[in-house]
Amino acid sequence: MELRTLFAERFKLPVVLENDANAAGLGEALFGAGRAADSLLYVNVGTGVGGAVIIKGRIHRGAHSSAGEIGHVVVKPDGPTCTCGKRGCVEALASGDAIGRRARERMAADASAATVLRKVPPAELTGCVVGMAAARGDALARQLMTEAATWLGMAIAGAANVIDPEVVVIGGGVAETGEPFLVPLQEAFKRYAVAPLSASTPVVAAELGYNAGVVGAAAVAFVELGIVKPNSSM
């Protein structure tokens, strides 16, 4: 029995299900940074990298429900192994877990490198921690964030070249570190996207923050139940 059917029968209520990135993307499209756009590419950078394609207020899922899976676009074929089994996926290079792993590797390779990251227990060295150190000006942390953001910007440019979204919205815990991640990402996007996308497609920070999942889940329900029309916000 499908999970949605199981819940609907148990609670005698309409039930809708959606993955977190699609929900957050729809939330940003209806109530956040993309609420004035007809088409949106949403990318969530947290422990992993997820995404969503929103067209006229609806989630575009694709033929196999895999649209928006930008985290598993290969940008470095000889790169690190991803959780999906391939090598060099964006998720293996730009996620919070990847940034933390690279920080540990870099510090092990160069014991003389001065960085505040050495004060952080290895198990707690996440992308968000590196991002906060980068925001305070730590040189190694800024370099790590720039490297990760550049890989992600390359992948986003490729996706944008195909779907030509009106806006690209970047969310998730890593993205919330701000300028050290967003600026090099924007620069990479401009470098790799075709014209006129490189000059006119904004790549902006999400507005809903950690509420994106909750707002997105409500947005999915609102659309599916007809409370909000797909091409409008409340």
Protein backbone atom coordinates (compact mmCIF):
# COMPACT_ATOMS: atom_id res chain seq x y z
CA MET A 1 0.00 0.00 0.00
CA GLU A 2 1.28 3.48 -0.85
CA LEU A 3 2.29 5.61 2.13
CA ARG A 4 -0.12 8.38 1.13
CA THR A 5 -3.03 5.94 0.97
CA LEU A 6 -2.04 4.45 4.31
CA PHE A 7 -2.07 7.85 6.03
CA ALA A 8 -5.27 8.96 4.30
CA GLU A 9 -7.11 5.85 5.43
CA ARG A 10 -5.71 6.06 8.95
CA PHE A 11 -6.52 9.72 9.55
CA LYS A 12 -9.55 10.12 7.23
CA LEU A 13 -8.00 13.28 5.72
CA PRO A 14 -6.57 14.29 2.35
CA VAL A 15 -2.82 13.56 2.29
CA VAL A 16 -0.10 14.83 -0.04
CA LEU A 17 3.54 13.72 -0.06
CA GLU A 18 6.60 15.45 -1.51
CA ASN A 19 10.38 15.37 -1.06
CA ASP A 20 11.96 18.17 0.95
CA ALA A 21 13.78 19.94 -1.91
CA ASN A 22 10.69 20.04 -4.13
CA ALA A 23 8.61 21.33 -1.23
CA ALA A 24 11.15 24.02 -0.33
CA GLY A 25 11.41 25.03 -3.98
CA LEU A 26 7.66 25.43 -4.25
CA GLY A 27 7.64 27.41 -1.01
CA GLU A 28 10.24 29.82 -2.41
CA ALA A 29 8.30 30.06 -5.67
CA LEU A 30 5.03 30.97 -3.96
CA PHE A 31 6.11 32.79 -0.82
CA GLY A 32 9.85 33.46 -1.02
CA ALA A 33 12.59 34.70 -3.31
CA GLY A 34 10.89 33.44 -6.48
CA ARG A 35 7.34 34.60 -5.88
CA ALA A 36 7.33 36.96 -8.89
CA ALA A 37 8.88 34.42 -11.30
CA ASP A 38 7.15 32.11 -13.77
CA SER A 39 10.04 29.62 -13.66
CA LEU A 40 12.53 28.87 -10.94
CA LEU A 41 15.47 26.56 -10.31
CA TYR A 42 15.85 25.94 -6.58
CA VAL A 43 19.04 24.43 -5.18
CA ASN A 44 19.37 23.34 -1.55
CA VAL A 45 22.88 23.02 -0.13
CA GLY A 46 22.98 21.25 3.19
CA THR A 47 24.51 17.92 4.19
CA GLY A 48 23.70 16.99 0.59
CA VAL A 49 22.68 18.93 -2.51
CA GLY A 50 19.11 18.79 -3.77
CA GLY A 51 17.01 20.84 -6.12
CA ALA A 52 13.67 21.53 -7.69
CA VAL A 53 12.32 22.93 -10.93
CA ILE A 54 9.18 25.04 -10.52
CA ILE A 55 7.24 26.17 -13.59
CA LYS A 56 4.21 28.44 -13.26
CA GLY A 57 3.76 27.56 -9.63
CA ARG A 58 3.95 23.80 -10.08
CA ILE A 59 6.71 21.32 -9.36
CA HIS A 60 8.11 19.86 -12.57
CA ARG A 61 8.97 16.26 -11.71
CA GLY A 62 10.04 14.94 -15.12
CA ALA A 63 9.34 11.56 -16.70
CA HIS A 64 10.89 9.60 -13.80
CA SER A 65 10.32 12.03 -10.92
CA SER A 66 14.02 12.95 -11.06
CA ALA A 67 13.85 16.56 -12.25
CA GLY A 68 15.91 18.88 -10.08
CA GLU A 69 18.44 16.27 -8.90
CA ILE A 70 21.32 18.64 -9.53
CA GLY A 71 23.35 17.12 -6.71
CA HIS A 72 24.09 14.11 -8.88
CA VAL A 73 25.31 15.99 -11.93
CA VAL A 74 28.91 14.91 -12.53
CA VAL A 75 31.27 17.89 -12.88
CA LYS A 76 34.60 16.19 -12.05
CA PRO A 77 34.72 12.61 -13.38
CA ASP A 78 37.89 11.78 -11.42
CA GLY A 79 36.53 13.40 -8.26
CA PRO A 80 35.52 11.85 -4.94
CA THR A 81 32.95 9.09 -4.77
CA CYS A 82 29.39 10.25 -4.17
CA THR A 83 26.75 8.55 -2.03
CA CYS A 84 25.07 7.49 -5.29
CA GLY A 85 28.16 5.51 -6.32
CA LYS A 86 29.35 7.80 -9.12
CA ARG A 87 32.45 9.94 -8.90
CA GLY A 88 32.64 13.70 -9.03
CA CYS A 89 28.98 14.54 -8.42
CA VAL A 90 28.21 18.05 -7.22
CA GLU A 91 27.07 16.58 -3.90
CA ALA A 92 30.51 15.01 -3.40
CA LEU A 93 32.19 18.37 -4.04
CA ALA A 94 29.90 21.13 -2.76
CA SER A 95 27.67 19.76 0.01
CA GLY A 96 28.20 20.55 3.66
CA ASP A 97 29.57 17.06 4.22
CA ALA A 98 31.98 17.49 1.29
CA ILE A 99 33.22 20.85 2.58
CA GLY A 100 33.84 19.38 6.04
CA ARG A 101 35.68 16.42 4.52
CA ARG A 102 37.87 18.71 2.39
CA ALA A 103 38.71 20.82 5.44
CA ARG A 104 39.94 17.74 7.30
CA GLU A 105 41.94 16.60 4.28
CA ARG A 106 43.58 19.97 3.75
CA MET A 107 44.58 20.35 7.37
CA ALA A 108 46.00 16.81 7.44
CA ALA A 109 47.98 17.48 4.25
CA ASP A 110 49.44 20.76 5.54
CA ALA A 111 50.00 20.71 9.27
CA SER A 112 51.49 24.20 9.15
CA ALA A 113 48.42 25.91 7.65
CA ALA A 114 47.07 28.46 10.13
CA THR A 115 43.30 28.25 10.52
CA VAL A 116 40.72 28.50 13.27
CA LEU A 117 39.27 25.25 11.95
CA ARG A 118 41.95 23.35 13.88
CA LYS A 119 40.09 24.26 17.06
CA VAL A 120 36.99 22.37 15.89
CA PRO A 121 36.68 18.64 16.71
CA PRO A 122 36.82 16.71 13.41
CA ALA A 123 33.35 15.22 13.89
CA GLU A 124 31.91 18.74 14.22
CA LEU A 125 33.66 20.18 11.16
CA THR A 126 30.69 20.76 8.87
CA GLY A 127 30.09 23.00 5.89
CA CYS A 128 28.23 25.48 8.09
CA VAL A 129 31.17 25.66 10.52
CA VAL A 130 33.58 26.25 7.63
CA GLY A 131 31.21 28.88 6.25
CA MET A 132 31.10 30.75 9.55
CA ALA A 133 34.89 30.72 9.72
CA ALA A 134 35.00 32.01 6.13
CA ALA A 135 32.63 34.83 7.04
CA ARG A 136 35.08 35.84 9.78
CA GLY A 137 37.91 35.97 7.25
CA ASP A 138 39.71 32.66 7.80
CA ALA A 139 41.81 32.14 4.65
CA LEU A 140 41.55 28.35 4.42
CA ALA A 141 37.83 28.40 5.10
CA ARG A 142 37.25 31.00 2.38
CA GLN A 143 39.27 28.94 -0.09
CA LEU A 144 37.24 25.83 0.70
CA MET A 145 33.95 27.69 0.30
CA THR A 146 35.09 29.19 -3.00
CA GLU A 147 36.08 25.78 -4.37
CA ALA A 148 32.74 24.22 -3.41
CA ALA A 149 30.73 27.16 -4.70
CA THR A 150 32.57 27.09 -8.02
CA TRP A 151 31.70 23.44 -8.63
CA LEU A 152 28.08 24.14 -7.76
CA GLY A 153 27.98 27.26 -9.94
CA MET A 154 29.23 25.19 -12.87
CA ALA A 155 26.44 22.65 -12.40
CA ILE A 156 23.78 25.33 -11.97
CA ALA A 157 24.95 27.04 -15.16
CA GLY A 158 24.59 23.78 -17.05
CA ALA A 159 21.09 23.22 -15.69
CA ALA A 160 20.11 26.80 -16.45
CA ASN A 161 21.41 26.47 -20.01
CA VAL A 162 18.88 23.66 -20.48
CA ILE A 163 15.77 24.98 -18.69
CA ASP A 164 16.37 28.77 -18.83
CA PRO A 165 14.78 29.65 -15.46
CA GLU A 166 13.73 33.18 -14.68
CA VAL A 167 15.57 33.01 -11.36
CA VAL A 168 17.87 30.63 -9.48
CA VAL A 169 17.31 30.44 -5.72
CA ILE A 170 19.96 29.01 -3.39
CA GLY A 171 18.86 27.67 -0.02
CA GLY A 172 20.03 25.35 2.73
CA GLY A 173 22.32 25.67 5.72
CA VAL A 174 25.56 26.05 3.74
CA ALA A 175 24.06 28.74 1.51
CA GLU A 176 23.01 30.70 4.60
CA THR A 177 26.67 31.44 5.32
CA GLY A 178 26.20 34.23 2.80
CA GLU A 179 28.87 36.09 0.83
CA PRO A 180 31.75 33.56 1.13
CA PHE A 181 29.58 30.99 -0.67
CA LEU A 182 27.10 33.00 -2.71
CA VAL A 183 29.53 35.41 -4.39
CA PRO A 184 31.89 32.77 -5.88
CA LEU A 185 28.83 30.74 -6.87
CA GLN A 186 27.41 33.74 -8.74
CA GLU A 187 30.77 34.35 -10.40
CA ALA A 188 31.01 30.73 -11.54
CA PHE A 189 27.46 30.84 -12.86
CA LYS A 190 28.27 33.91 -14.95
CA ARG A 191 31.43 32.26 -16.23
CA TYR A 192 29.79 29.02 -17.36
CA ALA A 193 26.23 30.02 -18.34
CA VAL A 194 25.48 30.99 -21.92
CA ALA A 195 24.44 34.50 -22.86
CA PRO A 196 22.02 36.05 -22.11
CA LEU A 197 21.58 33.88 -18.99
CA SER A 198 25.03 34.78 -17.70
CA ALA A 199 24.12 38.46 -17.62
CA SER A 200 20.41 38.50 -16.84
CA THR A 201 19.49 35.44 -14.74
CA PRO A 202 19.69 36.34 -11.03
CA VAL A 203 21.18 33.82 -8.62
CA VAL A 204 19.82 34.82 -5.22
CA ALA A 205 19.67 33.59 -1.65
CA ALA A 206 16.48 31.92 -0.46
CA GLU A 207 14.23 33.99 1.79
CA LEU A 208 12.51 31.33 3.87
CA GLY A 209 15.61 30.02 5.65
CA TYR A 210 15.09 27.03 7.91
CA ASN A 211 11.32 27.47 7.55
CA ALA A 212 11.51 26.51 3.87
CA GLY A 213 10.56 22.89 4.50
CA VAL A 214 7.54 23.75 6.64
CA VAL A 215 6.35 26.54 4.35
CA GLY A 216 7.04 24.31 1.35
CA ALA A 217 5.01 21.45 2.78
CA ALA A 218 2.11 23.85 3.32
CA ALA A 219 2.58 25.17 -0.22
CA VAL A 220 2.38 21.64 -1.65
CA ALA A 221 -0.85 21.02 0.25
CA PHE A 222 -2.30 24.43 -0.74
CA VAL A 223 -1.68 23.73 -4.43
CA GLU A 224 -2.83 20.11 -4.39
CA LEU A 225 -6.00 20.97 -2.47
CA GLY A 226 -6.76 24.00 -4.65
CA ILE A 227 -6.34 26.56 -1.89
CA VAL A 228 -3.71 28.39 -3.96
CA LYS A 229 -3.79 28.48 -7.74
CA PRO A 230 -0.50 27.21 -9.23
CA ASN A 231 0.51 30.52 -10.85
CA SER A 232 -0.22 32.73 -7.86
CA SER A 233 0.65 33.27 -4.20
CA MET A 234 -1.71 33.91 -1.29
